[in-house]
Amino acid sequence: MNSDRPVNLPLPSLFLNMPVTAVTSILHRLSGVALFLGVIYVFYLAELALESAAGFDEAARIVATPLGKLGLWIVLAALAFHFLAGIRHLLLDFHVGDSLRGGQVGGWITFVLTLAAVIVAGAWLW
C-alpha cells in the first residue's frame, strides 16, 4: 500500500492552484446546475404571480424578503456567469482567443464582467 497518497484532498487550495481556464470551465458547469435549480424558484414565483392578484401580492412579498432577494440574486448571478462563459465558449469555437494567453485573458474577462453584472443585480435588488 502506498503511504504517500493524500488522506483527503485540500479542495480550496486545489481550486486556487488551477489555471483560470479550468476554473472558468468548472464554474460554467456549476452555474448551469444552479440555473437548472434556480428555474424552479423563478417558475414558482411566476406561477404564483400569474394565478391571481393575491398570488401576485404573495410573490411580491416573497421577493421583498432578504431570503427571497438572495435567491433571486443567486439565480441572476448564475445566469450572468453562464451567459458570459457561454459567449466565451462560442468565441473559442470560432478560434477567437484559443491560444493559452487568449484563454487566460478570456477567463479573466469573464470573471470581471460577471462581477460587474452581479454588483449591478445586487444594487437593483437591494
N, C-alpha and C. Protein backbone atom coordinates (compact mmCIF):
# COMPACT_ATOMS: atom_id res chain seq x y z
N MET A 1 0.84 -1.18 0.00
CA MET A 1 0.00 0.00 0.00
C MET A 1 0.88 1.25 0.00
N ASN A 2 0.52 2.23 -0.79
CA ASN A 2 1.31 3.45 -0.92
C ASN A 2 0.93 4.42 0.19
N SER A 3 1.86 4.74 1.07
CA SER A 3 1.56 5.63 2.19
C SER A 3 1.73 7.10 1.82
N ASP A 4 2.20 7.40 0.60
CA ASP A 4 2.37 8.78 0.17
C ASP A 4 1.10 9.41 -0.38
N ARG A 5 0.06 8.62 -0.50
CA ARG A 5 -1.21 9.13 -1.02
C ARG A 5 -1.85 10.06 0.00
N PRO A 6 -2.49 11.13 -0.46
CA PRO A 6 -3.13 12.04 0.50
C PRO A 6 -4.34 11.39 1.14
N VAL A 7 -4.58 11.73 2.38
CA VAL A 7 -5.73 11.22 3.09
C VAL A 7 -6.99 11.93 2.61
N ASN A 8 -6.89 13.22 2.40
CA ASN A 8 -8.02 13.98 1.88
C ASN A 8 -7.49 15.02 0.88
N LEU A 9 -8.36 15.48 0.04
CA LEU A 9 -7.97 16.48 -0.94
C LEU A 9 -8.22 17.88 -0.38
N PRO A 10 -7.24 18.73 -0.39
CA PRO A 10 -7.44 20.11 0.06
C PRO A 10 -8.12 20.92 -1.03
N LEU A 11 -9.44 20.81 -1.13
CA LEU A 11 -10.17 21.40 -2.25
C LEU A 11 -10.00 22.91 -2.41
N PRO A 12 -10.04 23.70 -1.33
CA PRO A 12 -9.84 25.15 -1.56
C PRO A 12 -8.49 25.48 -2.18
N SER A 13 -7.42 24.89 -1.67
CA SER A 13 -6.11 25.19 -2.24
C SER A 13 -5.94 24.56 -3.61
N LEU A 14 -6.57 23.41 -3.83
CA LEU A 14 -6.53 22.77 -5.15
C LEU A 14 -7.23 23.65 -6.17
N PHE A 15 -8.35 24.24 -5.77
CA PHE A 15 -9.13 25.10 -6.66
C PHE A 15 -8.36 26.38 -6.97
N LEU A 16 -7.66 26.93 -5.97
CA LEU A 16 -6.91 28.17 -6.17
C LEU A 16 -5.66 27.95 -7.02
N ASN A 17 -5.14 26.73 -7.06
CA ASN A 17 -3.93 26.45 -7.83
C ASN A 17 -4.24 26.08 -9.28
N MET A 18 -5.50 25.98 -9.63
CA MET A 18 -5.88 25.64 -11.01
C MET A 18 -5.71 26.85 -11.92
N PRO A 19 -5.46 26.60 -13.20
CA PRO A 19 -5.44 27.73 -14.15
C PRO A 19 -6.82 28.36 -14.28
N VAL A 20 -6.84 29.64 -14.65
CA VAL A 20 -8.10 30.37 -14.74
C VAL A 20 -9.04 29.73 -15.77
N THR A 21 -8.48 29.10 -16.80
CA THR A 21 -9.33 28.46 -17.80
C THR A 21 -10.06 27.26 -17.21
N ALA A 22 -9.39 26.52 -16.34
CA ALA A 22 -10.04 25.37 -15.69
C ALA A 22 -11.11 25.82 -14.72
N VAL A 23 -10.83 26.87 -13.95
CA VAL A 23 -11.81 27.39 -13.00
C VAL A 23 -13.03 27.90 -13.74
N THR A 24 -12.80 28.60 -14.85
CA THR A 24 -13.92 29.10 -15.66
C THR A 24 -14.78 27.95 -16.18
N SER A 25 -14.14 26.90 -16.64
CA SER A 25 -14.87 25.76 -17.17
C SER A 25 -15.69 25.06 -16.08
N ILE A 26 -15.09 24.86 -14.92
CA ILE A 26 -15.79 24.20 -13.82
C ILE A 26 -16.97 25.05 -13.35
N LEU A 27 -16.74 26.35 -13.19
CA LEU A 27 -17.82 27.23 -12.74
C LEU A 27 -18.92 27.37 -13.79
N HIS A 28 -18.56 27.24 -15.07
CA HIS A 28 -19.59 27.26 -16.11
C HIS A 28 -20.54 26.08 -15.94
N ARG A 29 -19.99 24.93 -15.63
CA ARG A 29 -20.84 23.75 -15.39
C ARG A 29 -21.67 23.92 -14.13
N LEU A 30 -21.05 24.42 -13.07
CA LEU A 30 -21.78 24.62 -11.81
C LEU A 30 -22.86 25.68 -11.94
N SER A 31 -22.60 26.72 -12.73
CA SER A 31 -23.62 27.74 -12.93
C SER A 31 -24.80 27.17 -13.72
N GLY A 32 -24.53 26.22 -14.61
CA GLY A 32 -25.62 25.55 -15.32
C GLY A 32 -26.50 24.76 -14.37
N VAL A 33 -25.89 24.07 -13.41
CA VAL A 33 -26.65 23.34 -12.39
C VAL A 33 -27.45 24.32 -11.53
N ALA A 34 -26.82 25.43 -11.14
CA ALA A 34 -27.52 26.44 -10.34
C ALA A 34 -28.71 27.02 -11.10
N LEU A 35 -28.54 27.23 -12.40
CA LEU A 35 -29.66 27.73 -13.20
C LEU A 35 -30.78 26.70 -13.29
N PHE A 36 -30.41 25.44 -13.45
CA PHE A 36 -31.41 24.38 -13.52
C PHE A 36 -32.25 24.37 -12.24
N LEU A 37 -31.59 24.49 -11.10
CA LEU A 37 -32.31 24.51 -9.83
C LEU A 37 -33.01 25.84 -9.61
N GLY A 38 -32.39 26.94 -10.04
CA GLY A 38 -32.98 28.25 -9.85
C GLY A 38 -34.23 28.48 -10.67
N VAL A 39 -34.34 27.78 -11.78
CA VAL A 39 -35.54 27.91 -12.61
C VAL A 39 -36.78 27.44 -11.83
N ILE A 40 -36.61 26.48 -10.95
CA ILE A 40 -37.73 26.02 -10.12
C ILE A 40 -38.25 27.18 -9.28
N TYR A 41 -37.33 27.92 -8.65
CA TYR A 41 -37.71 29.07 -7.82
C TYR A 41 -38.37 30.16 -8.66
N VAL A 42 -37.80 30.47 -9.80
CA VAL A 42 -38.34 31.53 -10.65
C VAL A 42 -39.71 31.13 -11.21
N PHE A 43 -39.86 29.87 -11.63
CA PHE A 43 -41.15 29.41 -12.13
C PHE A 43 -42.21 29.41 -11.03
N TYR A 44 -41.79 29.06 -9.81
CA TYR A 44 -42.73 29.11 -8.69
C TYR A 44 -43.24 30.53 -8.49
N LEU A 45 -42.32 31.48 -8.49
CA LEU A 45 -42.73 32.87 -8.32
C LEU A 45 -43.62 33.35 -9.47
N ALA A 46 -43.28 32.94 -10.69
CA ALA A 46 -44.09 33.35 -11.85
C ALA A 46 -45.48 32.73 -11.79
N GLU A 47 -45.55 31.45 -11.43
CA GLU A 47 -46.86 30.79 -11.33
C GLU A 47 -47.71 31.45 -10.25
N LEU A 48 -47.08 31.74 -9.12
CA LEU A 48 -47.79 32.39 -8.01
C LEU A 48 -48.28 33.77 -8.43
N ALA A 49 -47.44 34.52 -9.12
CA ALA A 49 -47.81 35.88 -9.52
C ALA A 49 -48.90 35.90 -10.58
N LEU A 50 -48.97 34.87 -11.41
CA LEU A 50 -49.93 34.86 -12.51
C LEU A 50 -51.28 34.25 -12.16
N GLU A 51 -51.38 33.59 -11.01
CA GLU A 51 -52.65 32.90 -10.71
C GLU A 51 -53.74 33.85 -10.24
N SER A 52 -53.40 34.91 -9.49
CA SER A 52 -54.41 35.86 -9.02
C SER A 52 -53.72 37.11 -8.49
N ALA A 53 -54.53 38.10 -8.14
CA ALA A 53 -53.97 39.32 -7.56
C ALA A 53 -53.35 39.02 -6.19
N ALA A 54 -54.00 38.14 -5.43
CA ALA A 54 -53.45 37.76 -4.12
C ALA A 54 -52.14 36.99 -4.31
N GLY A 55 -52.07 36.15 -5.34
CA GLY A 55 -50.83 35.42 -5.64
C GLY A 55 -49.71 36.37 -6.02
N PHE A 56 -50.06 37.40 -6.77
CA PHE A 56 -49.06 38.40 -7.14
C PHE A 56 -48.52 39.10 -5.91
N ASP A 57 -49.44 39.45 -5.00
CA ASP A 57 -49.00 40.10 -3.76
C ASP A 57 -48.11 39.17 -2.95
N GLU A 58 -48.43 37.89 -2.92
CA GLU A 58 -47.62 36.90 -2.20
C GLU A 58 -46.23 36.77 -2.83
N ALA A 59 -46.18 36.73 -4.16
CA ALA A 59 -44.89 36.64 -4.85
C ALA A 59 -44.06 37.90 -4.58
N ALA A 60 -44.71 39.06 -4.60
CA ALA A 60 -44.01 40.31 -4.29
C ALA A 60 -43.51 40.32 -2.86
N ARG A 61 -44.28 39.75 -1.94
CA ARG A 61 -43.86 39.67 -0.54
C ARG A 61 -42.65 38.76 -0.39
N ILE A 62 -42.66 37.63 -1.12
CA ILE A 62 -41.52 36.69 -1.06
C ILE A 62 -40.26 37.36 -1.58
N VAL A 63 -40.37 38.05 -2.71
CA VAL A 63 -39.20 38.69 -3.31
C VAL A 63 -38.72 39.86 -2.46
N ALA A 64 -39.60 40.45 -1.66
CA ALA A 64 -39.21 41.59 -0.82
C ALA A 64 -38.42 41.15 0.41
N THR A 65 -38.49 39.88 0.79
CA THR A 65 -37.74 39.40 1.96
C THR A 65 -36.26 39.26 1.60
N PRO A 66 -35.37 39.35 2.59
CA PRO A 66 -33.94 39.17 2.29
C PRO A 66 -33.62 37.81 1.68
N LEU A 67 -34.26 36.75 2.16
CA LEU A 67 -34.01 35.42 1.60
C LEU A 67 -34.53 35.31 0.16
N GLY A 68 -35.67 35.93 -0.11
CA GLY A 68 -36.20 35.94 -1.47
C GLY A 68 -35.31 36.70 -2.43
N LYS A 69 -34.78 37.84 -1.97
CA LYS A 69 -33.86 38.62 -2.79
C LYS A 69 -32.56 37.86 -3.02
N LEU A 70 -32.09 37.17 -1.98
CA LEU A 70 -30.86 36.39 -2.11
C LEU A 70 -31.03 35.28 -3.14
N GLY A 71 -32.17 34.60 -3.09
CA GLY A 71 -32.45 33.55 -4.07
C GLY A 71 -32.47 34.09 -5.49
N LEU A 72 -33.12 35.20 -5.67
CA LEU A 72 -33.19 35.82 -7.00
C LEU A 72 -31.81 36.31 -7.44
N TRP A 73 -31.04 36.84 -6.51
CA TRP A 73 -29.69 37.32 -6.81
C TRP A 73 -28.78 36.17 -7.23
N ILE A 74 -28.91 35.03 -6.56
CA ILE A 74 -28.10 33.86 -6.93
C ILE A 74 -28.46 33.39 -8.33
N VAL A 75 -29.74 33.37 -8.65
CA VAL A 75 -30.16 32.96 -9.99
C VAL A 75 -29.63 33.94 -11.04
N LEU A 76 -29.71 35.23 -10.76
CA LEU A 76 -29.20 36.24 -11.70
C LEU A 76 -27.68 36.15 -11.85
N ALA A 77 -26.98 35.87 -10.75
CA ALA A 77 -25.52 35.72 -10.82
C ALA A 77 -25.14 34.50 -11.64
N ALA A 78 -25.85 33.40 -11.43
CA ALA A 78 -25.59 32.19 -12.22
C ALA A 78 -25.89 32.43 -13.69
N LEU A 79 -26.97 33.15 -13.96
CA LEU A 79 -27.34 33.46 -15.34
C LEU A 79 -26.27 34.34 -16.00
N ALA A 80 -25.79 35.34 -15.28
CA ALA A 80 -24.77 36.23 -15.84
C ALA A 80 -23.50 35.47 -16.16
N PHE A 81 -23.03 34.66 -15.20
CA PHE A 81 -21.78 33.92 -15.44
C PHE A 81 -21.96 32.90 -16.56
N HIS A 82 -23.07 32.18 -16.54
CA HIS A 82 -23.28 31.14 -17.55
C HIS A 82 -23.39 31.75 -18.94
N PHE A 83 -24.06 32.89 -19.04
CA PHE A 83 -24.19 33.57 -20.32
C PHE A 83 -22.83 34.04 -20.83
N LEU A 84 -22.06 34.70 -19.96
CA LEU A 84 -20.76 35.23 -20.38
C LEU A 84 -19.77 34.12 -20.69
N ALA A 85 -19.78 33.05 -19.89
CA ALA A 85 -18.89 31.92 -20.19
C ALA A 85 -19.33 31.22 -21.47
N GLY A 86 -20.62 31.21 -21.74
CA GLY A 86 -21.11 30.63 -22.99
C GLY A 86 -20.66 31.45 -24.20
N ILE A 87 -20.69 32.77 -24.07
CA ILE A 87 -20.18 33.63 -25.14
C ILE A 87 -18.69 33.35 -25.36
N ARG A 88 -17.95 33.18 -24.26
CA ARG A 88 -16.52 32.86 -24.36
C ARG A 88 -16.31 31.55 -25.11
N HIS A 89 -17.13 30.55 -24.78
CA HIS A 89 -17.01 29.26 -25.47
C HIS A 89 -17.37 29.37 -26.94
N LEU A 90 -18.36 30.18 -27.27
CA LEU A 90 -18.71 30.39 -28.67
C LEU A 90 -17.56 31.04 -29.42
N LEU A 91 -16.92 32.02 -28.80
CA LEU A 91 -15.77 32.65 -29.43
C LEU A 91 -14.62 31.66 -29.63
N LEU A 92 -14.43 30.78 -28.66
CA LEU A 92 -13.40 29.75 -28.80
C LEU A 92 -13.71 28.81 -29.96
N ASP A 93 -14.99 28.53 -30.18
CA ASP A 93 -15.38 27.69 -31.32
C ASP A 93 -15.01 28.33 -32.66
N PHE A 94 -14.98 29.66 -32.68
CA PHE A 94 -14.58 30.38 -33.90
C PHE A 94 -13.10 30.76 -33.86
N HIS A 95 -12.35 30.11 -32.98
CA HIS A 95 -10.90 30.29 -32.85
C HIS A 95 -10.50 31.71 -32.47
N VAL A 96 -11.36 32.36 -31.71
CA VAL A 96 -11.04 33.68 -31.17
C VAL A 96 -10.57 33.46 -29.73
N GLY A 97 -9.31 33.73 -29.47
CA GLY A 97 -8.77 33.56 -28.13
C GLY A 97 -8.50 32.13 -27.75
N ASP A 98 -8.19 31.28 -28.73
CA ASP A 98 -7.98 29.87 -28.40
C ASP A 98 -6.51 29.52 -28.13
N SER A 99 -5.68 30.53 -27.99
CA SER A 99 -4.30 30.29 -27.56
C SER A 99 -4.28 30.23 -26.03
N LEU A 100 -3.16 29.87 -25.46
CA LEU A 100 -3.05 29.80 -24.00
C LEU A 100 -3.29 31.18 -23.39
N ARG A 101 -2.63 32.18 -23.92
CA ARG A 101 -2.79 33.55 -23.39
C ARG A 101 -4.21 34.06 -23.64
N GLY A 102 -4.75 33.78 -24.81
CA GLY A 102 -6.12 34.20 -25.11
C GLY A 102 -7.14 33.55 -24.19
N GLY A 103 -6.93 32.29 -23.87
CA GLY A 103 -7.83 31.59 -22.94
C GLY A 103 -7.77 32.20 -21.55
N GLN A 104 -6.56 32.55 -21.11
CA GLN A 104 -6.41 33.17 -19.80
C GLN A 104 -7.08 34.54 -19.76
N VAL A 105 -6.85 35.32 -20.77
CA VAL A 105 -7.46 36.66 -20.83
C VAL A 105 -8.98 36.54 -20.90
N GLY A 106 -9.47 35.61 -21.71
CA GLY A 106 -10.91 35.40 -21.81
C GLY A 106 -11.53 34.98 -20.49
N GLY A 107 -10.82 34.13 -19.76
CA GLY A 107 -11.31 33.71 -18.44
C GLY A 107 -11.41 34.87 -17.47
N TRP A 108 -10.36 35.70 -17.45
CA TRP A 108 -10.38 36.86 -16.55
C TRP A 108 -11.44 37.87 -16.97
N ILE A 109 -11.62 38.08 -18.26
CA ILE A 109 -12.68 38.98 -18.73
C ILE A 109 -14.05 38.46 -18.31
N THR A 110 -14.24 37.15 -18.39
CA THR A 110 -15.50 36.55 -17.96
C THR A 110 -15.75 36.83 -16.48
N PHE A 111 -14.72 36.67 -15.65
CA PHE A 111 -14.88 36.91 -14.22
C PHE A 111 -15.15 38.38 -13.92
N VAL A 112 -14.45 39.28 -14.58
CA VAL A 112 -14.62 40.72 -14.32
C VAL A 112 -16.02 41.18 -14.75
N LEU A 113 -16.46 40.75 -15.93
CA LEU A 113 -17.80 41.15 -16.40
C LEU A 113 -18.89 40.53 -15.52
N THR A 114 -18.67 39.31 -15.06
CA THR A 114 -19.64 38.69 -14.16
C THR A 114 -19.72 39.45 -12.85
N LEU A 115 -18.56 39.83 -12.31
CA LEU A 115 -18.54 40.60 -11.07
C LEU A 115 -19.31 41.91 -11.23
N ALA A 116 -19.11 42.58 -12.35
CA ALA A 116 -19.85 43.83 -12.61
C ALA A 116 -21.35 43.57 -12.69
N ALA A 117 -21.74 42.50 -13.38
CA ALA A 117 -23.16 42.17 -13.52
C ALA A 117 -23.78 41.79 -12.17
N VAL A 118 -23.03 41.08 -11.35
CA VAL A 118 -23.53 40.67 -10.04
C VAL A 118 -23.69 41.89 -9.13
N ILE A 119 -22.77 42.83 -9.20
CA ILE A 119 -22.89 44.05 -8.41
C ILE A 119 -24.09 44.87 -8.86
N VAL A 120 -24.29 44.99 -10.17
CA VAL A 120 -25.45 45.73 -10.68
C VAL A 120 -26.75 45.03 -10.27
N ALA A 121 -26.79 43.71 -10.36
CA ALA A 121 -28.00 42.97 -9.95
C ALA A 121 -28.27 43.14 -8.46
N GLY A 122 -27.21 43.12 -7.66
CA GLY A 122 -27.38 43.33 -6.21
C GLY A 122 -27.87 44.73 -5.89
N ALA A 123 -27.34 45.72 -6.59
CA ALA A 123 -27.80 47.09 -6.37
C ALA A 123 -29.26 47.26 -6.80
N TRP A 124 -29.64 46.56 -7.86
CA TRP A 124 -31.02 46.64 -8.35
C TRP A 124 -31.99 45.98 -7.37
N LEU A 125 -31.57 44.84 -6.79
CA LEU A 125 -32.46 44.12 -5.86
C LEU A 125 -32.56 44.79 -4.50
N TRP A 126 -31.45 45.35 -4.05
CA TRP A 126 -31.45 45.96 -2.71
C TRP A 126 -31.43 47.44 -2.88
